[in-house]
C-alpha cells in the first residue's frame, strides 16, 4: 500500500506543478502506477495474488478475488485509468491536463474504496 500512496502523492505533486501547454503524460503515468499498486494491494491481501504482466487484466483479477464485493463503478474507474497506460507511457501524443484531472478524480475515488476494502 505504501507504493500506491507514494504514486498517488507523486501524481498530485505533478498536477500541482503542471503549467499550461505541458505534456500531462507524466501525470497520467503516475496515476496509472498508483491504480495498479492500489489494486495489487487488494488482490494481495484478499487473494494472495498480484498481476505483474497484463495490467489490462487487473480488473478481471480484482473481480475474481472479490466477486460481487467489487462495485461496478470502481471496476470502471480502474479500467478507465488502465486504458491510458500504453498511450501515456509509450505514445507519441501529449496528454492533456483535462484528461489527467479526470483520471486523477477517478483515482481518488478508487483509492478511497481500496482503503475501505482493506480495512475490512
PDB file of N, CA and C in Angstrom:
ATOM      1  N   UNK A   1       0.814  -1.183   0.000  1.00  0.00           N
ATOM      2  CA  UNK A   1       0.000   0.000   0.000  1.00  0.00           C
ATOM      3  C   UNK A   1       0.870   1.266   0.000  1.00  0.00           C
ATOM      4  N   UNK A   2       2.083   1.153   0.534  1.00  0.00           N
ATOM      5  CA  UNK A   2       2.984   2.306   0.554  1.00  0.00           C
ATOM      6  C   UNK A   2       3.282   2.804  -0.858  1.00  0.00           C
ATOM      7  N   UNK A   3       3.499   1.868  -1.796  1.00  0.00           N
ATOM      8  CA  UNK A   3       3.764   2.273  -3.176  1.00  0.00           C
ATOM      9  C   UNK A   3       2.566   3.011  -3.765  1.00  0.00           C
ATOM     10  N   UNK A   4       1.388   2.503  -3.509  1.00  0.00           N
ATOM     11  CA  UNK A   4       0.181   3.137  -4.044  1.00  0.00           C
ATOM     12  C   UNK A   4       0.067   4.574  -3.551  1.00  0.00           C
ATOM     13  N   UNK A   5       0.242   4.750  -2.257  1.00  0.00           N
ATOM     14  CA  UNK A   5       0.151   6.087  -1.668  1.00  0.00           C
ATOM     15  C   UNK A   5       1.259   6.992  -2.225  1.00  0.00           C
ATOM     16  N   UNK A   6       2.437   6.431  -2.401  1.00  0.00           N
ATOM     17  CA  UNK A   6       3.544   7.197  -2.962  1.00  0.00           C
ATOM     18  C   UNK A   6       3.288   7.647  -4.390  1.00  0.00           C
ATOM     19  N   UNK A   7       2.817   6.732  -5.238  1.00  0.00           N
ATOM     20  CA  UNK A   7       2.496   7.096  -6.621  1.00  0.00           C
ATOM     21  C   UNK A   7       1.358   8.112  -6.664  1.00  0.00           C
ATOM     22  N   UNK A   8       0.366   7.915  -5.804  1.00  0.00           N
ATOM     23  CA  UNK A   8      -0.770   8.833  -5.734  1.00  0.00           C
ATOM     24  C   UNK A   8      -0.274  10.236  -5.364  1.00  0.00           C
ATOM     25  N   UNK A   9       0.598  10.307  -4.370  1.00  0.00           N
ATOM     26  CA  UNK A   9       1.169  11.588  -3.968  1.00  0.00           C
ATOM     27  C   UNK A   9       2.002  12.226  -5.065  1.00  0.00           C
ATOM     28  N   UNK A  10       2.759  11.404  -5.792  1.00  0.00           N
ATOM     29  CA  UNK A  10       3.564  11.920  -6.904  1.00  0.00           C
ATOM     30  C   UNK A  10       2.664  12.496  -7.989  1.00  0.00           C
ATOM     31  N   UNK A  11       1.551  11.821  -8.261  1.00  0.00           N
ATOM     32  CA  UNK A  11       0.605  12.335  -9.259  1.00  0.00           C
ATOM     33  C   UNK A  11       0.043  13.682  -8.812  1.00  0.00           C
ATOM     34  N   UNK A  12      -0.285  13.795  -7.541  1.00  0.00           N
ATOM     35  CA  UNK A  12      -0.811  15.054  -7.001  1.00  0.00           C
ATOM     36  C   UNK A  12       0.231  16.164  -7.134  1.00  0.00           C
ATOM     37  N   UNK A  13       1.467  15.857  -6.809  1.00  0.00           N
ATOM     38  CA  UNK A  13       2.531  16.852  -6.928  1.00  0.00           C
ATOM     39  C   UNK A  13       2.677  17.321  -8.368  1.00  0.00           C
ATOM     40  N   UNK A  14       2.672  16.369  -9.301  1.00  0.00           N
ATOM     41  CA  UNK A  14       2.781  16.737 -10.713  1.00  0.00           C
ATOM     42  C   UNK A  14       1.580  17.551 -11.175  1.00  0.00           C
ATOM     43  N   UNK A  15       0.392  17.221 -10.667  1.00  0.00           N
ATOM     44  CA  UNK A  15      -0.799  18.018 -11.000  1.00  0.00           C
ATOM     45  C   UNK A  15      -0.605  19.457 -10.520  1.00  0.00           C
ATOM     46  N   UNK A  16      -0.083  19.612  -9.330  1.00  0.00           N
ATOM     47  CA  UNK A  16       0.128  20.950  -8.763  1.00  0.00           C
ATOM     48  C   UNK A  16       1.199  21.743  -9.518  1.00  0.00           C
ATOM     49  N   UNK A  17       2.175  21.044 -10.055  1.00  0.00           N
ATOM     50  CA  UNK A  17       3.269  21.702 -10.771  1.00  0.00           C
ATOM     51  C   UNK A  17       2.966  21.946 -12.250  1.00  0.00           C
ATOM     52  N   UNK A  18       1.878  21.394 -12.737  1.00  0.00           N
ATOM     53  CA  UNK A  18       1.556  21.491 -14.163  1.00  0.00           C
ATOM     54  C   UNK A  18       1.444  22.949 -14.600  1.00  0.00           C
ATOM     55  N   UNK A  19       1.982  23.221 -15.777  1.00  0.00           N
ATOM     56  CA  UNK A  19       1.859  24.543 -16.397  1.00  0.00           C
ATOM     57  C   UNK A  19       1.182  24.377 -17.758  1.00  0.00           C
ATOM     58  N   UNK A  20       0.311  25.316 -18.122  1.00  0.00           N
ATOM     59  CA  UNK A  20      -0.391  25.213 -19.410  1.00  0.00           C
ATOM     60  C   UNK A  20       0.565  24.944 -20.567  1.00  0.00           C
ATOM     61  N   UNK A  21       0.148  24.014 -21.394  1.00  0.00           N
ATOM     62  CA  UNK A  21       0.941  23.646 -22.560  1.00  0.00           C
ATOM     63  C   UNK A  21       1.889  22.482 -22.335  1.00  0.00           C
ATOM     64  N   UNK A  22       2.091  22.102 -21.084  1.00  0.00           N
ATOM     65  CA  UNK A  22       2.974  20.969 -20.816  1.00  0.00           C
ATOM     66  C   UNK A  22       2.286  19.655 -21.168  1.00  0.00           C
ATOM     67  N   UNK A  23       3.087  18.656 -21.429  1.00  0.00           N
ATOM     68  CA  UNK A  23       2.604  17.307 -21.664  1.00  0.00           C
ATOM     69  C   UNK A  23       2.191  16.703 -20.319  1.00  0.00           C
ATOM     70  N   UNK A  24       0.965  16.247 -20.212  1.00  0.00           N
ATOM     71  CA  UNK A  24       0.463  15.678 -18.957  1.00  0.00           C
ATOM     72  C   UNK A  24       0.696  14.169 -18.855  1.00  0.00           C
ATOM     73  N   UNK A  25       1.368  13.572 -19.829  1.00  0.00           N
ATOM     74  CA  UNK A  25       1.599  12.122 -19.764  1.00  0.00           C
ATOM     75  C   UNK A  25       2.366  11.685 -18.512  1.00  0.00           C
ATOM     76  N   UNK A  26       3.337  12.440 -18.017  1.00  0.00           N
ATOM     77  CA  UNK A  26       3.979  12.018 -16.767  1.00  0.00           C
ATOM     78  C   UNK A  26       2.989  11.938 -15.597  1.00  0.00           C
ATOM     79  N   UNK A  27       2.028  12.829 -15.564  1.00  0.00           N
ATOM     80  CA  UNK A  27       0.998  12.781 -14.525  1.00  0.00           C
ATOM     81  C   UNK A  27       0.168  11.513 -14.690  1.00  0.00           C
ATOM     82  N   UNK A  28      -0.261  11.263 -15.912  1.00  0.00           N
ATOM     83  CA  UNK A  28      -1.099  10.104 -16.197  1.00  0.00           C
ATOM     84  C   UNK A  28      -0.356   8.815 -15.872  1.00  0.00           C
ATOM     85  N   UNK A  29       0.931   8.769 -16.162  1.00  0.00           N
ATOM     86  CA  UNK A  29       1.734   7.585 -15.864  1.00  0.00           C
ATOM     87  C   UNK A  29       1.762   7.316 -14.357  1.00  0.00           C
ATOM     88  N   UNK A  30       1.883   8.351 -13.554  1.00  0.00           N
ATOM     89  CA  UNK A  30       1.856   8.177 -12.094  1.00  0.00           C
ATOM     90  C   UNK A  30       0.472   7.738 -11.614  1.00  0.00           C
ATOM     91  N   UNK A  31      -0.571   8.255 -12.231  1.00  0.00           N
ATOM     92  CA  UNK A  31      -1.938   7.855 -11.894  1.00  0.00           C
ATOM     93  C   UNK A  31      -2.126   6.368 -12.171  1.00  0.00           C
ATOM     94  N   UNK A  32      -1.644   5.920 -13.329  1.00  0.00           N
ATOM     95  CA  UNK A  32      -1.740   4.508 -13.697  1.00  0.00           C
ATOM     96  C   UNK A  32      -0.966   3.655 -12.699  1.00  0.00           C
ATOM     97  N   UNK A  33       0.247   4.066 -12.366  1.00  0.00           N
ATOM     98  CA  UNK A  33       1.063   3.299 -11.412  1.00  0.00           C
ATOM     99  C   UNK A  33       0.372   3.200 -10.053  1.00  0.00           C
ATOM    100  N   UNK A  34      -0.249   4.298  -9.631  1.00  0.00           N
ATOM    101  CA  UNK A  34      -0.970   4.281  -8.350  1.00  0.00           C
ATOM    102  C   UNK A  34      -2.147   3.319  -8.401  1.00  0.00           C
ATOM    103  N   UNK A  35      -2.914   3.358  -9.477  1.00  0.00           N
ATOM    104  CA  UNK A  35      -4.079   2.470  -9.601  1.00  0.00           C
ATOM    105  C   UNK A  35      -3.653   1.004  -9.576  1.00  0.00           C
ATOM    106  N   UNK A  36      -2.575   0.688 -10.280  1.00  0.00           N
ATOM    107  CA  UNK A  36      -2.057  -0.685 -10.288  1.00  0.00           C
ATOM    108  C   UNK A  36      -1.649  -1.091  -8.872  1.00  0.00           C
ATOM    109  N   UNK A  37      -0.941  -0.218  -8.189  1.00  0.00           N
ATOM    110  CA  UNK A  37      -0.480  -0.539  -6.839  1.00  0.00           C
ATOM    111  C   UNK A  37      -1.651  -0.689  -5.863  1.00  0.00           C
ATOM    112  N   UNK A  38      -2.659   0.164  -5.983  1.00  0.00           N
ATOM    113  CA  UNK A  38      -3.837   0.019  -5.122  1.00  0.00           C
ATOM    114  C   UNK A  38      -4.534  -1.315  -5.379  1.00  0.00           C
ATOM    115  N   UNK A  39      -4.730  -1.658  -6.657  1.00  0.00           N
ATOM    116  CA  UNK A  39      -5.397  -2.925  -6.990  1.00  0.00           C
ATOM    117  C   UNK A  39      -4.563  -4.113  -6.514  1.00  0.00           C
ATOM    118  N   UNK A  40      -3.252  -4.031  -6.679  1.00  0.00           N
ATOM    119  CA  UNK A  40      -2.374  -5.107  -6.204  1.00  0.00           C
ATOM    120  C   UNK A  40      -2.485  -5.278  -4.694  1.00  0.00           C
ATOM    121  N   UNK A  41      -2.627  -4.179  -3.969  1.00  0.00           N
ATOM    122  CA  UNK A  41      -2.762  -4.266  -2.513  1.00  0.00           C
ATOM    123  C   UNK A  41      -4.003  -5.066  -2.136  1.00  0.00           C
ATOM    124  N   UNK A  42      -5.088  -4.849  -2.864  1.00  0.00           N
ATOM    125  CA  UNK A  42      -6.332  -5.578  -2.576  1.00  0.00           C
ATOM    126  C   UNK A  42      -6.198  -7.045  -2.961  1.00  0.00           C
ATOM    127  N   UNK A  43      -5.684  -7.320  -4.158  1.00  0.00           N
ATOM    128  CA  UNK A  43      -5.600  -8.720  -4.591  1.00  0.00           C
ATOM    129  C   UNK A  43      -4.580  -9.495  -3.768  1.00  0.00           C
ATOM    130  N   UNK A  44      -3.521  -8.825  -3.313  1.00  0.00           N
ATOM    131  CA  UNK A  44      -2.542  -9.498  -2.457  1.00  0.00           C
ATOM    132  C   UNK A  44      -3.155  -9.826  -1.100  1.00  0.00           C
ATOM    133  N   UNK A  45      -3.886  -8.892  -0.535  1.00  0.00           N
ATOM    134  CA  UNK A  45      -4.466  -9.090   0.795  1.00  0.00           C
ATOM    135  C   UNK A  45      -5.571 -10.131   0.772  1.00  0.00           C
ATOM    136  N   UNK A  46      -6.468 -10.027  -0.195  1.00  0.00           N
ATOM    137  CA  UNK A  46      -7.650 -10.896  -0.186  1.00  0.00           C
ATOM    138  C   UNK A  46      -7.514 -12.154  -1.041  1.00  0.00           C
ATOM    139  N   UNK A  47      -6.574 -12.153  -1.980  1.00  0.00           N
ATOM    140  CA  UNK A  47      -6.434 -13.317  -2.846  1.00  0.00           C
ATOM    141  C   UNK A  47      -5.036 -13.882  -2.895  1.00  0.00           C
ATOM    142  N   UNK A  48      -4.121 -13.243  -2.181  1.00  0.00           N
ATOM    143  CA  UNK A  48      -2.730 -13.689  -2.158  1.00  0.00           C
ATOM    144  C   UNK A  48      -2.128 -13.739  -3.565  1.00  0.00           C
ATOM    145  N   UNK A  49      -2.599 -12.835  -4.444  1.00  0.00           N
ATOM    146  CA  UNK A  49      -2.112 -12.799  -5.829  1.00  0.00           C
ATOM    147  C   UNK A  49      -1.939 -11.348  -6.268  1.00  0.00           C
ATOM    148  N   UNK A  50      -0.974 -11.140  -7.170  1.00  0.00           N
ATOM    149  CA  UNK A  50      -0.848  -9.857  -7.850  1.00  0.00           C
ATOM    150  C   UNK A  50      -0.640 -10.126  -9.330  1.00  0.00           C
ATOM    151  N   UNK A  51      -0.985  -9.150 -10.130  1.00  0.00           N
ATOM    152  CA  UNK A  51      -0.844  -9.272 -11.577  1.00  0.00           C
ATOM    153  C   UNK A  51       0.369  -8.461 -11.993  1.00  0.00           C
ATOM    154  N   UNK A  52       1.423  -9.131 -12.431  1.00  0.00           N
ATOM    155  CA  UNK A  52       2.654  -8.431 -12.788  1.00  0.00           C
ATOM    156  C   UNK A  52       2.864  -8.309 -14.287  1.00  0.00           C
ATOM    157  N   UNK A  53       2.000  -8.903 -15.084  1.00  0.00           N
ATOM    158  CA  UNK A  53       2.281  -8.895 -16.518  1.00  0.00           C
ATOM    159  C   UNK A  53       1.237  -8.171 -17.338  1.00  0.00           C
ATOM    160  N   UNK A  54       0.006  -8.557 -17.259  1.00  0.00           N
ATOM    161  CA  UNK A  54      -1.037  -7.970 -18.099  1.00  0.00           C
ATOM    162  C   UNK A  54      -1.891  -7.031 -17.254  1.00  0.00           C
ATOM    163  N   UNK A  55      -1.469  -5.788 -17.172  1.00  0.00           N
ATOM    164  CA  UNK A  55      -2.179  -4.855 -16.303  1.00  0.00           C
ATOM    165  C   UNK A  55      -3.598  -4.579 -16.769  1.00  0.00           C
ATOM    166  N   UNK A  56      -3.871  -4.733 -18.055  1.00  0.00           N
ATOM    167  CA  UNK A  56      -5.241  -4.533 -18.527  1.00  0.00           C
ATOM    168  C   UNK A  56      -6.181  -5.607 -17.988  1.00  0.00           C
ATOM    169  N   UNK A  57      -5.628  -6.744 -17.560  1.00  0.00           N
ATOM    170  CA  UNK A  57      -6.433  -7.820 -16.983  1.00  0.00           C
ATOM    171  C   UNK A  57      -6.578  -7.684 -15.468  1.00  0.00           C
ATOM    172  N   UNK A  58      -6.035  -6.625 -14.912  1.00  0.00           N
ATOM    173  CA  UNK A  58      -6.072  -6.442 -13.466  1.00  0.00           C
ATOM    174  C   UNK A  58      -7.504  -6.332 -12.941  1.00  0.00           C
ATOM    175  N   UNK A  59      -8.376  -5.703 -13.703  1.00  0.00           N
ATOM    176  CA  UNK A  59      -9.783  -5.622 -13.297  1.00  0.00           C
ATOM    177  C   UNK A  59     -10.418  -6.999 -13.189  1.00  0.00           C
ATOM    178  N   UNK A  60     -10.071  -7.871 -14.114  1.00  0.00           N
ATOM    179  CA  UNK A  60     -10.604  -9.240 -14.078  1.00  0.00           C
ATOM    180  C   UNK A  60     -10.090  -9.991 -12.849  1.00  0.00           C
ATOM    181  N   UNK A  61      -8.824  -9.797 -12.501  1.00  0.00           N
ATOM    182  CA  UNK A  61      -8.274 -10.435 -11.308  1.00  0.00           C
ATOM    183  C   UNK A  61      -8.957  -9.892 -10.055  1.00  0.00           C
ATOM    184  N   UNK A  62      -9.162  -8.602 -10.012  1.00  0.00           N
ATOM    185  CA  UNK A  62      -9.833  -7.993  -8.870  1.00  0.00           C
ATOM    186  C   UNK A  62     -11.244  -8.563  -8.721  1.00  0.00           C
ATOM    187  N   UNK A  63     -11.947  -8.718  -9.835  1.00  0.00           N
ATOM    188  CA  UNK A  63     -13.295  -9.305  -9.807  1.00  0.00           C
ATOM    189  C   UNK A  63     -13.228 -10.760  -9.355  1.00  0.00           C
ATOM    190  N   UNK A  64     -12.242 -11.507  -9.833  1.00  0.00           N
ATOM    191  CA  UNK A  64     -12.108 -12.913  -9.444  1.00  0.00           C
ATOM    192  C   UNK A  64     -11.840 -13.045  -7.943  1.00  0.00           C
ATOM    193  N   UNK A  65     -11.046 -12.142  -7.395  1.00  0.00           N
ATOM    194  CA  UNK A  65     -10.703 -12.198  -5.979  1.00  0.00           C
ATOM    195  C   UNK A  65     -11.859 -11.734  -5.102  1.00  0.00           C
ATOM    196  N   UNK A  66     -12.539 -10.667  -5.513  1.00  0.00           N
ATOM    197  CA  UNK A  66     -13.573 -10.072  -4.661  1.00  0.00           C
ATOM    198  C   UNK A  66     -15.001 -10.457  -5.013  1.00  0.00           C
ATOM    199  N   UNK A  67     -15.198 -10.945  -6.211  1.00  0.00           N
ATOM    200  CA  UNK A  67     -16.564 -11.265  -6.639  1.00  0.00           C
ATOM    201  C   UNK A  67     -17.433 -10.013  -6.641  1.00  0.00           C
ATOM    202  N   UNK A  68     -18.633 -10.141  -6.129  1.00  0.00           N
ATOM    203  CA  UNK A  68     -19.579  -9.027  -6.147  1.00  0.00           C
ATOM    204  C   UNK A  68     -19.258  -7.923  -5.140  1.00  0.00           C
ATOM    205  N   UNK A  69     -18.245  -8.124  -4.309  1.00  0.00           N
ATOM    206  CA  UNK A  69     -17.817  -7.045  -3.401  1.00  0.00           C
ATOM    207  C   UNK A  69     -17.144  -5.911  -4.161  1.00  0.00           C
ATOM    208  N   UNK A  70     -16.719  -6.183  -5.389  1.00  0.00           N
ATOM    209  CA  UNK A  70     -16.119  -5.139  -6.219  1.00  0.00           C
ATOM    210  C   UNK A  70     -17.237  -4.349  -6.882  1.00  0.00           C
ATOM    211  N   UNK A  71     -17.443  -3.107  -6.478  1.00  0.00           N
ATOM    212  CA  UNK A  71     -18.508  -2.308  -7.090  1.00  0.00           C
ATOM    213  C   UNK A  71     -18.198  -2.003  -8.556  1.00  0.00           C
ATOM    214  N   UNK A  72     -19.206  -2.084  -9.393  1.00  0.00           N
ATOM    215  CA  UNK A  72     -19.003  -1.806 -10.817  1.00  0.00           C
ATOM    216  C   UNK A  72     -18.401  -0.430 -11.078  1.00  0.00           C
ATOM    217  N   UNK A  73     -18.798   0.615 -10.347  1.00  0.00           N
ATOM    218  CA  UNK A  73     -18.164   1.915 -10.591  1.00  0.00           C
ATOM    219  C   UNK A  73     -16.661   1.914 -10.303  1.00  0.00           C
ATOM    220  N   UNK A  74     -16.231   1.130  -9.328  1.00  0.00           N
ATOM    221  CA  UNK A  74     -14.790   1.069  -9.035  1.00  0.00           C
ATOM    222  C   UNK A  74     -14.043   0.265 -10.092  1.00  0.00           C
ATOM    223  N   UNK A  75     -14.680  -0.777 -10.599  1.00  0.00           N
ATOM    224  CA  UNK A  75     -14.087  -1.514 -11.709  1.00  0.00           C
ATOM    225  C   UNK A  75     -13.966  -0.599 -12.925  1.00  0.00           C
ATOM    226  N   UNK A  76     -14.990   0.208 -13.167  1.00  0.00           N
ATOM    227  CA  UNK A  76     -14.955   1.156 -14.292  1.00  0.00           C
ATOM    228  C   UNK A  76     -13.847   2.191 -14.098  1.00  0.00           C
ATOM    229  N   UNK A  77     -13.668   2.680 -12.871  1.00  0.00           N
ATOM    230  CA  UNK A  77     -12.581   3.629 -12.604  1.00  0.00           C
ATOM    231  C   UNK A  77     -11.232   3.000 -12.920  1.00  0.00           C
ATOM    232  N   UNK A  78     -11.020   1.785 -12.424  1.00  0.00           N
ATOM    233  CA  UNK A  78      -9.753   1.100 -12.667  1.00  0.00           C
ATOM    234  C   UNK A  78      -9.511   0.898 -14.161  1.00  0.00           C
ATOM    235  N   UNK A  79     -10.505   0.398 -14.854  1.00  0.00           N
ATOM    236  CA  UNK A  79     -10.339   0.133 -16.288  1.00  0.00           C
ATOM    237  C   UNK A  79     -10.096   1.407 -17.083  1.00  0.00           C
ATOM    238  N   UNK A  80     -10.776   2.492 -16.715  1.00  0.00           N
ATOM    239  CA  UNK A  80     -10.571   3.768 -17.418  1.00  0.00           C
ATOM    240  C   UNK A  80      -9.130   4.249 -17.235  1.00  0.00           C
ATOM    241  N   UNK A  81      -8.619   4.103 -16.042  1.00  0.00           N
ATOM    242  CA  UNK A  81      -7.241   4.517 -15.778  1.00  0.00           C
ATOM    243  C   UNK A  81      -6.256   3.623 -16.526  1.00  0.00           C
ATOM    244  N   UNK A  82      -6.441   2.311 -16.406  1.00  0.00           N
ATOM    245  CA  UNK A  82      -5.509   1.375 -17.052  1.00  0.00           C
ATOM    246  C   UNK A  82      -5.517   1.493 -18.568  1.00  0.00           C
ATOM    247  N   UNK A  83      -6.641   1.890 -19.129  1.00  0.00           N
ATOM    248  CA  UNK A  83      -6.732   2.012 -20.588  1.00  0.00           C
ATOM    249  C   UNK A  83      -5.805   3.094 -21.136  1.00  0.00           C
ATOM    250  N   UNK A  84      -5.316   3.967 -20.278  1.00  0.00           N
ATOM    251  CA  UNK A  84      -4.432   5.050 -20.708  1.00  0.00           C
ATOM    252  C   UNK A  84      -2.947   4.714 -20.562  1.00  0.00           C
ATOM    253  N   UNK A  85      -2.649   3.542 -20.017  1.00  0.00           N
ATOM    254  CA  UNK A  85      -1.266   3.178 -19.702  1.00  0.00           C
ATOM    255  C   UNK A  85      -0.342   3.239 -20.915  1.00  0.00           C
ATOM    256  N   UNK A  86      -0.674   2.535 -21.961  1.00  0.00           N
ATOM    257  CA  UNK A  86       0.229   2.465 -23.116  1.00  0.00           C
ATOM    258  C   UNK A  86       0.385   3.816 -23.800  1.00  0.00           C
ATOM    259  N   UNK A  87      -0.710   4.528 -23.996  1.00  0.00           N
ATOM    260  CA  UNK A  87      -0.630   5.824 -24.667  1.00  0.00           C
ATOM    261  C   UNK A  87       0.204   6.810 -23.858  1.00  0.00           C
ATOM    262  N   UNK A  88      -0.008   6.846 -22.544  1.00  0.00           N
ATOM    263  CA  UNK A  88       0.738   7.791 -21.710  1.00  0.00           C
ATOM    264  C   UNK A  88       2.213   7.412 -21.599  1.00  0.00           C
ATOM    265  N   UNK A  89       2.491   6.128 -21.540  1.00  0.00           N
ATOM    266  CA  UNK A  89       3.869   5.677 -21.351  1.00  0.00           C
ATOM    267  C   UNK A  89       4.669   5.588 -22.644  1.00  0.00           C
ATOM    268  N   UNK A  90       4.008   5.201 -23.732  1.00  0.00           N
ATOM    269  CA  UNK A  90       4.747   4.902 -24.959  1.00  0.00           C
ATOM    270  C   UNK A  90       4.251   5.654 -26.179  1.00  0.00           C
ATOM    271  N   UNK A  91       3.130   6.355 -26.060  1.00  0.00           N
ATOM    272  CA  UNK A  91       2.531   7.031 -27.212  1.00  0.00           C
ATOM    273  C   UNK A  91       3.285   8.279 -27.611  1.00  0.00           C
ATOM    274  N   UNK A  92       2.915   8.801 -28.758  1.00  0.00           N
ATOM    275  CA  UNK A  92       3.588   9.991 -29.282  1.00  0.00           C
ATOM    276  C   UNK A  92       2.798  11.270 -29.011  1.00  0.00           C
ATOM    277  N   UNK A  93       1.535  11.149 -28.642  1.00  0.00           N
ATOM    278  CA  UNK A  93       0.717  12.337 -28.389  1.00  0.00           C
ATOM    279  C   UNK A  93       0.849  12.784 -26.940  1.00  0.00           C
ATOM    280  N   UNK A  94       0.860  14.078 -26.766  1.00  0.00           N
ATOM    281  CA  UNK A  94       0.924  14.644 -25.417  1.00  0.00           C
ATOM    282  C   UNK A  94      -0.427  14.488 -24.732  1.00  0.00           C
ATOM    283  N   UNK A  95      -0.395  14.133 -23.474  1.00  0.00           N
ATOM    284  CA  UNK A  95      -1.617  14.054 -22.695  1.00  0.00           C
ATOM    285  C   UNK A  95      -2.063  15.448 -22.280  1.00  0.00           C
ATOM    286  N   UNK A  96      -3.362  15.621 -22.115  1.00  0.00           N
ATOM    287  CA  UNK A  96      -3.883  16.926 -21.727  1.00  0.00           C
ATOM    288  C   UNK A  96      -4.096  16.994 -20.218  1.00  0.00           C
ATOM    289  N   UNK A  97      -4.073  18.202 -19.699  1.00  0.00           N
ATOM    290  CA  UNK A  97      -4.324  18.409 -18.278  1.00  0.00           C
ATOM    291  C   UNK A  97      -5.753  18.012 -17.933  1.00  0.00           C
ATOM    292  N   UNK A  98      -6.684  18.280 -18.822  1.00  0.00           N
ATOM    293  CA  UNK A  98      -8.085  17.905 -18.594  1.00  0.00           C
ATOM    294  C   UNK A  98      -8.217  16.403 -18.434  1.00  0.00           C
ATOM    295  N   UNK A  99      -7.557  15.667 -19.298  1.00  0.00           N
ATOM    296  CA  UNK A  99      -7.575  14.208 -19.222  1.00  0.00           C
ATOM    297  C   UNK A  99      -6.945  13.732 -17.912  1.00  0.00           C
ATOM    298  N   UNK A 100      -5.816  14.310 -17.545  1.00  0.00           N
ATOM    299  CA  UNK A 100      -5.148  13.929 -16.301  1.00  0.00           C
ATOM    300  C   UNK A 100      -6.033  14.233 -15.098  1.00  0.00           C
ATOM    301  N   UNK A 101      -6.705  15.364 -15.121  1.00  0.00           N
ATOM    302  CA  UNK A 101      -7.579  15.736 -13.998  1.00  0.00           C
ATOM    303  C   UNK A 101      -8.745  14.760 -13.855  1.00  0.00           C
ATOM    304  N   UNK A 102      -9.312  14.344 -14.974  1.00  0.00           N
ATOM    305  CA  UNK A 102     -10.409  13.355 -14.923  1.00  0.00           C
ATOM    306  C   UNK A 102      -9.921  12.032 -14.353  1.00  0.00           C
ATOM    307  N   UNK A 103      -8.763  11.589 -14.810  1.00  0.00           N
ATOM    308  CA  UNK A 103      -8.212  10.330 -14.321  1.00  0.00           C
ATOM    309  C   UNK A 103      -7.828  10.440 -12.847  1.00  0.00           C
ATOM    310  N   UNK A 104      -7.332  11.594 -12.448  1.00  0.00           N
ATOM    311  CA  UNK A 104      -6.969  11.785 -11.048  1.00  0.00           C
ATOM    312  C   UNK A 104      -8.212  11.707 -10.154  1.00  0.00           C
ATOM    313  N   UNK A 105      -9.304  12.268 -10.610  1.00  0.00           N
ATOM    314  CA  UNK A 105     -10.556  12.178  -9.842  1.00  0.00           C
ATOM    315  C   UNK A 105     -10.991  10.719  -9.714  1.00  0.00           C
ATOM    316  N   UNK A 106     -10.844   9.963 -10.783  1.00  0.00           N
ATOM    317  CA  UNK A 106     -11.169   8.529 -10.731  1.00  0.00           C
ATOM    318  C   UNK A 106     -10.238   7.805  -9.760  1.00  0.00           C
ATOM    319  N   UNK A 107      -8.961   8.179  -9.776  1.00  0.00           N
ATOM    320  CA  UNK A 107      -8.004   7.567  -8.861  1.00  0.00           C
ATOM    321  C   UNK A 107      -8.385   7.860  -7.416  1.00  0.00           C
ATOM    322  N   UNK A 108      -8.759   9.088  -7.122  1.00  0.00           N
ATOM    323  CA  UNK A 108      -9.174   9.431  -5.755  1.00  0.00           C
ATOM    324  C   UNK A 108     -10.332   8.550  -5.299  1.00  0.00           C
ATOM    325  N   UNK A 109     -11.313   8.357  -6.173  1.00  0.00           N
ATOM    326  CA  UNK A 109     -12.461   7.504  -5.833  1.00  0.00           C
ATOM    327  C   UNK A 109     -12.030   6.057  -5.611  1.00  0.00           C
ATOM    328  N   UNK A 110     -11.200   5.561  -6.520  1.00  0.00           N
ATOM    329  CA  UNK A 110     -10.730   4.182  -6.418  1.00  0.00           C
ATOM    330  C   UNK A 110      -9.913   3.992  -5.142  1.00  0.00           C
ATOM    331  N   UNK A 111      -9.032   4.936  -4.842  1.00  0.00           N
ATOM    332  CA  UNK A 111      -8.194   4.844  -3.646  1.00  0.00           C
ATOM    333  C   UNK A 111      -9.035   4.837  -2.375  1.00  0.00           C
ATOM    334  N   UNK A 112     -10.053   5.669  -2.326  1.00  0.00           N
ATOM    335  CA  UNK A 112     -10.932   5.705  -1.145  1.00  0.00           C
ATOM    336  C   UNK A 112     -11.626   4.361  -0.965  1.00  0.00           C
ATOM    337  N   UNK A 113     -12.085   3.772  -2.064  1.00  0.00           N
ATOM    338  CA  UNK A 113     -12.725   2.458  -1.978  1.00  0.00           C
ATOM    339  C   UNK A 113     -11.722   1.403  -1.507  1.00  0.00           C
ATOM    340  N   UNK A 114     -10.503   1.430  -2.061  1.00  0.00           N
ATOM    341  CA  UNK A 114      -9.475   0.454  -1.671  1.00  0.00           C
ATOM    342  C   UNK A 114      -9.198   0.554  -0.173  1.00  0.00           C
ATOM    343  N   UNK A 115      -9.059   1.752   0.339  1.00  0.00           N
ATOM    344  CA  UNK A 115      -8.783   1.911   1.761  1.00  0.00           C
ATOM    345  C   UNK A 115      -9.916   1.329   2.610  1.00  0.00           C
ATOM    346  N   UNK A 116     -11.139   1.525   2.177  1.00  0.00           N
ATOM    347  CA  UNK A 116     -12.280   0.933   2.881  1.00  0.00           C
ATOM    348  C   UNK A 116     -12.236  -0.583   2.787  1.00  0.00           C
ATOM    349  N   UNK A 117     -11.940  -1.091   1.611  1.00  0.00           N
ATOM    350  CA  UNK A 117     -11.879  -2.539   1.395  1.00  0.00           C
ATOM    351  C   UNK A 117     -10.777  -3.173   2.228  1.00  0.00           C
ATOM    352  N   UNK A 118      -9.641  -2.528   2.322  1.00  0.00           N
ATOM    353  CA  UNK A 118      -8.532  -3.092   3.095  1.00  0.00           C
ATOM    354  C   UNK A 118      -8.772  -3.025   4.595  1.00  0.00           C
ATOM    355  N   UNK A 119      -9.660  -2.160   5.007  1.00  0.00           N
ATOM    356  CA  UNK A 119      -9.979  -2.040   6.424  1.00  0.00           C
ATOM    357  C   UNK A 119     -10.958  -3.119   6.886  1.00  0.00           C
ATOM    358  N   UNK A 120     -11.502  -3.895   5.953  1.00  0.00           N
ATOM    359  CA  UNK A 120     -12.471  -4.952   6.290  1.00  0.00           C
ATOM    360  C   UNK A 120     -11.830  -6.020   7.127  1.00  0.00           C
TER     361      UNK A 120
END
